[in-house]
Protein backbone atom coordinates (compact mmCIF):
# COMPACT_ATOMS: atom_id res chain seq x y z
CA MET A 1 44.82 176.18 52.36
CA THR A 2 45.73 176.23 56.28
CA GLN A 3 45.08 172.66 56.63
CA ASN A 4 47.13 171.86 53.41
CA LYS A 5 50.06 174.27 54.86
CA PHE A 6 49.78 172.50 58.00
CA ASN A 7 50.02 168.87 56.79
CA VAL A 8 52.97 169.88 54.17
CA THR A 9 54.84 171.42 57.41
CA LEU A 10 54.45 167.95 59.39
CA PHE A 11 55.48 165.87 56.50
CA PHE A 12 58.77 167.69 55.98
CA GLN A 13 59.11 167.65 59.71
CA ARG A 14 58.64 164.03 59.73
CA LEU A 15 60.75 163.09 57.04
CA PHE A 16 63.81 165.35 58.87
CA VAL A 17 63.25 163.59 61.93
CA LYS A 18 63.23 159.93 60.22
CA ARG A 19 66.43 160.91 57.78
CA ILE A 20 68.14 162.22 61.42
CA CYS A 21 67.66 158.96 62.72
CA LEU A 22 68.56 156.94 59.91
CA PHE A 23 71.94 158.94 59.56
CA PHE A 24 72.50 158.03 63.54
CA ILE A 25 71.39 154.43 62.65
CA CYS A 26 74.06 154.30 59.82
CA ALA A 27 76.62 156.38 62.20
CA VAL A 28 76.03 153.56 64.81
CA ILE A 29 76.38 150.54 62.55
CA CYS A 30 79.72 151.93 61.07
CA THR A 31 81.14 152.54 63.98
CA LEU A 32 80.79 149.04 65.03
CA GLY A 33 81.36 147.85 62.62
CA ALA A 34 85.03 149.47 62.66
CA CYS A 35 85.63 148.70 66.05
CA GLY A 36 84.87 144.77 65.39
CA ASN A 37 87.20 142.07 65.99
CA ARG A 38 90.49 144.21 66.26
CA SER A 39 91.53 141.91 68.86
CA VAL A 40 94.28 139.55 67.43
CA PRO A 41 93.81 135.63 68.45
CA LEU A 42 95.70 133.77 70.51
CA PRO A 43 98.59 131.51 68.60
CA VAL A 44 96.85 128.32 67.23
CA LEU A 45 98.18 125.29 69.34
CA ASP A 46 96.10 122.66 67.66
CA PHE A 47 97.72 122.12 64.47
CA SER A 48 99.83 119.79 61.72
CA ALA A 49 102.58 122.03 60.15
CA GLN A 50 105.83 121.24 57.76
CA VAL A 51 108.57 123.22 59.81
CA SER A 52 112.19 124.26 58.09
CA ILE A 53 114.80 124.76 60.62
CA CYS A 54 117.55 127.26 59.66
CA ASP A 55 121.34 127.73 60.56
CA ASP A 56 123.00 130.57 61.12
CA TYR A 57 123.83 131.40 57.39
CA GLY A 58 119.65 130.64 56.69
CA LEU A 59 120.46 127.12 55.22
CA LYS A 60 117.89 124.45 55.85
CA ASP A 61 119.60 121.69 57.93
CA LEU A 62 116.27 120.33 59.21
CA GLU A 63 112.43 119.59 57.71
CA ALA A 64 110.40 117.73 59.76
CA GLU A 65 105.91 117.24 60.08
CA VAL A 66 104.65 118.90 63.20
CA ASN A 67 101.40 117.85 65.15
CA SER A 68 100.61 119.76 68.14
CA THR A 69 97.07 119.53 70.13
CA MET A 70 95.84 121.92 72.88
CA GLN A 71 96.52 119.17 75.70
CA GLY A 72 100.22 119.63 75.12
CA ALA A 73 100.96 116.60 73.06
CA VAL A 74 103.55 117.21 70.42
CA THR A 75 104.52 114.80 67.55
CA ILE A 76 107.98 115.91 65.50
CA LYS A 77 108.59 113.79 63.03
CA LEU A 78 112.24 114.35 60.62
CA THR A 79 111.76 114.36 56.97
CA SER A 80 114.74 115.73 55.48
CA PRO A 81 117.47 115.16 55.41
CA ASP A 82 117.25 111.29 54.48
CA GLU A 83 119.70 109.82 57.19
CA LEU A 84 117.50 111.06 60.08
CA TRP A 85 113.61 110.49 57.88
CA GLY A 86 111.51 108.83 60.32
CA LEU A 87 113.08 110.24 63.58
CA THR A 88 110.19 110.76 65.71
CA TYR A 89 110.03 112.86 69.14
CA LYS A 90 106.29 112.46 71.08
CA TRP A 91 105.43 114.69 73.91
CA SER A 92 102.58 113.15 76.13
CA ASP A 93 102.14 111.69 79.21
CA GLY A 94 105.52 111.38 78.89
CA PHE A 95 108.19 111.67 76.52
CA GLU A 96 108.82 108.94 73.84
CA LEU A 97 111.74 109.04 71.01
CA ILE A 98 111.21 106.55 68.31
CA TYR A 99 113.47 105.70 64.94
CA ASP A 100 113.48 102.98 62.73
CA GLY A 101 111.26 100.80 65.21
CA LEU A 102 113.69 101.23 68.49
CA HIS A 103 111.38 103.25 70.97
CA CYS A 104 112.58 104.79 74.01
CA LYS A 105 109.98 105.99 76.53
CA THR A 106 110.87 108.37 79.74
CA GLN A 107 109.68 111.40 81.51
CA LYS A 108 109.58 114.85 80.14
CA GLY A 109 112.82 116.98 79.91
CA TYR A 110 114.79 113.95 79.17
CA MET A 111 115.86 116.22 76.08
CA PRO A 112 118.52 118.55 76.42
CA GLU A 113 116.98 122.58 76.47
CA GLU A 114 119.40 123.27 73.54
CA ALA A 115 117.76 120.37 71.18
CA PHE A 116 115.74 121.98 68.27
CA ALA A 117 112.91 119.55 69.41
CA GLU A 118 112.87 120.28 73.26
CA ALA A 119 112.86 123.99 72.62
CA LEU A 120 109.94 123.86 70.09
CA TYR A 121 107.88 122.05 72.73
CA ASN A 122 109.20 124.34 75.29
CA VAL A 123 107.96 127.38 73.07
CA PHE A 124 104.56 125.67 72.40
CA CYS A 125 104.06 125.04 76.65
CA ALA A 126 105.03 128.55 77.22
CA LEU A 127 102.78 130.11 74.37
CA SER A 128 100.01 127.65 76.13
CA ARG A 129 100.29 130.23 78.93
CA VAL A 130 100.77 133.87 76.60
CA GLU A 131 97.88 136.03 77.18
CA GLN A 132 98.30 138.35 74.98
CA TYR A 133 100.88 139.48 71.66
CA SER A 134 103.71 141.53 72.39
CA SER A 135 103.24 144.05 69.26
CA PHE A 136 100.83 143.66 66.38
CA THR A 137 101.69 145.13 62.96
CA GLY A 138 99.49 145.08 59.97
CA ALA A 139 98.43 141.27 59.68
CA VAL A 140 101.54 139.97 61.50
CA ALA A 141 101.60 139.63 65.79
CA LEU A 142 104.91 138.97 67.73
CA TYR A 143 104.92 137.15 71.13
CA GLU A 144 107.69 137.04 73.10
CA GLY A 145 108.80 135.56 76.13
CA GLN A 146 110.77 133.23 78.36
CA CYS A 147 111.05 129.65 78.22
CA ASN A 148 113.47 126.76 79.30
CA SER A 149 115.45 126.46 76.06
CA GLY A 150 115.87 130.47 76.35
CA GLN A 151 114.08 134.16 75.00
CA TYR A 152 111.71 133.25 72.43
CA LYS A 153 110.53 135.01 69.60
CA VAL A 154 106.92 133.61 67.91
CA ILE A 155 105.38 135.43 64.58
CA THR A 156 101.75 134.43 64.00
CA GLU A 157 99.68 135.88 61.08
CA LYS A 158 96.30 136.99 61.36
CA LYS A 159 94.51 134.25 62.63
CA GLY A 160 97.31 133.23 65.18
CA TYR A 161 99.20 130.23 63.28
CA ILE A 162 102.37 130.11 63.92
CA GLN A 163 104.79 131.58 61.31
CA ASN A 164 108.28 131.61 62.74
CA ILE A 165 109.77 130.36 65.90
CA SER A 166 113.27 131.76 66.80
CA ILE A 167 115.63 131.33 70.38
CA GLU A 168 118.80 133.26 69.35
CA GLU A 169 120.61 131.93 72.46
CA ILE A 170 120.79 128.68 70.66
CA ASN A 171 120.83 129.91 67.29
CA LEU A 172 117.28 128.42 66.55
CA SER A 173 115.05 129.43 63.72
CA ALA A 174 111.85 127.60 62.57
CA ASP A 175 109.76 128.86 59.43
CA PHE A 176 106.46 126.85 59.97
CA THR A 177 104.02 126.22 56.67
CA TYR A 178 100.68 124.92 56.89
CA GLU A 179 98.39 122.74 53.86
């Protein structure tokens, strides 16, 4: 009977140790899972999007297609109003303005800093150097900084895609949508 009592005691001790080990393993896994991917991704600069540029009263002034690459090549093609449909701003090695078959090639910085297209390009360039967000709430990150066109604010969603760019000094507000 002593042998039987000893085996039962040993069984419960092993069971207790196994449960404690299992508890600690679960606690570690839960802790690591909760700490995982809390970092906010940097703004995505390799994208294609539709952009709506609004005036001070929230009315749409312009609509455009924007294509941007990580290498700094940006193309902005106006789609509205109809009178300006197809007007294209293109930055790669230099700057190119294209409209109705006419091409104007020059160096970067040709456009005034207050022009909406130059301002968007300047913000993209500034974002390529940004290392951290200004604030993060829920699934929205805010990036703030200074570019050649003024003090900018960029709002991104949780994956880093730009939702809005604004520069108060030049009354620019641009909303981005992705397909």
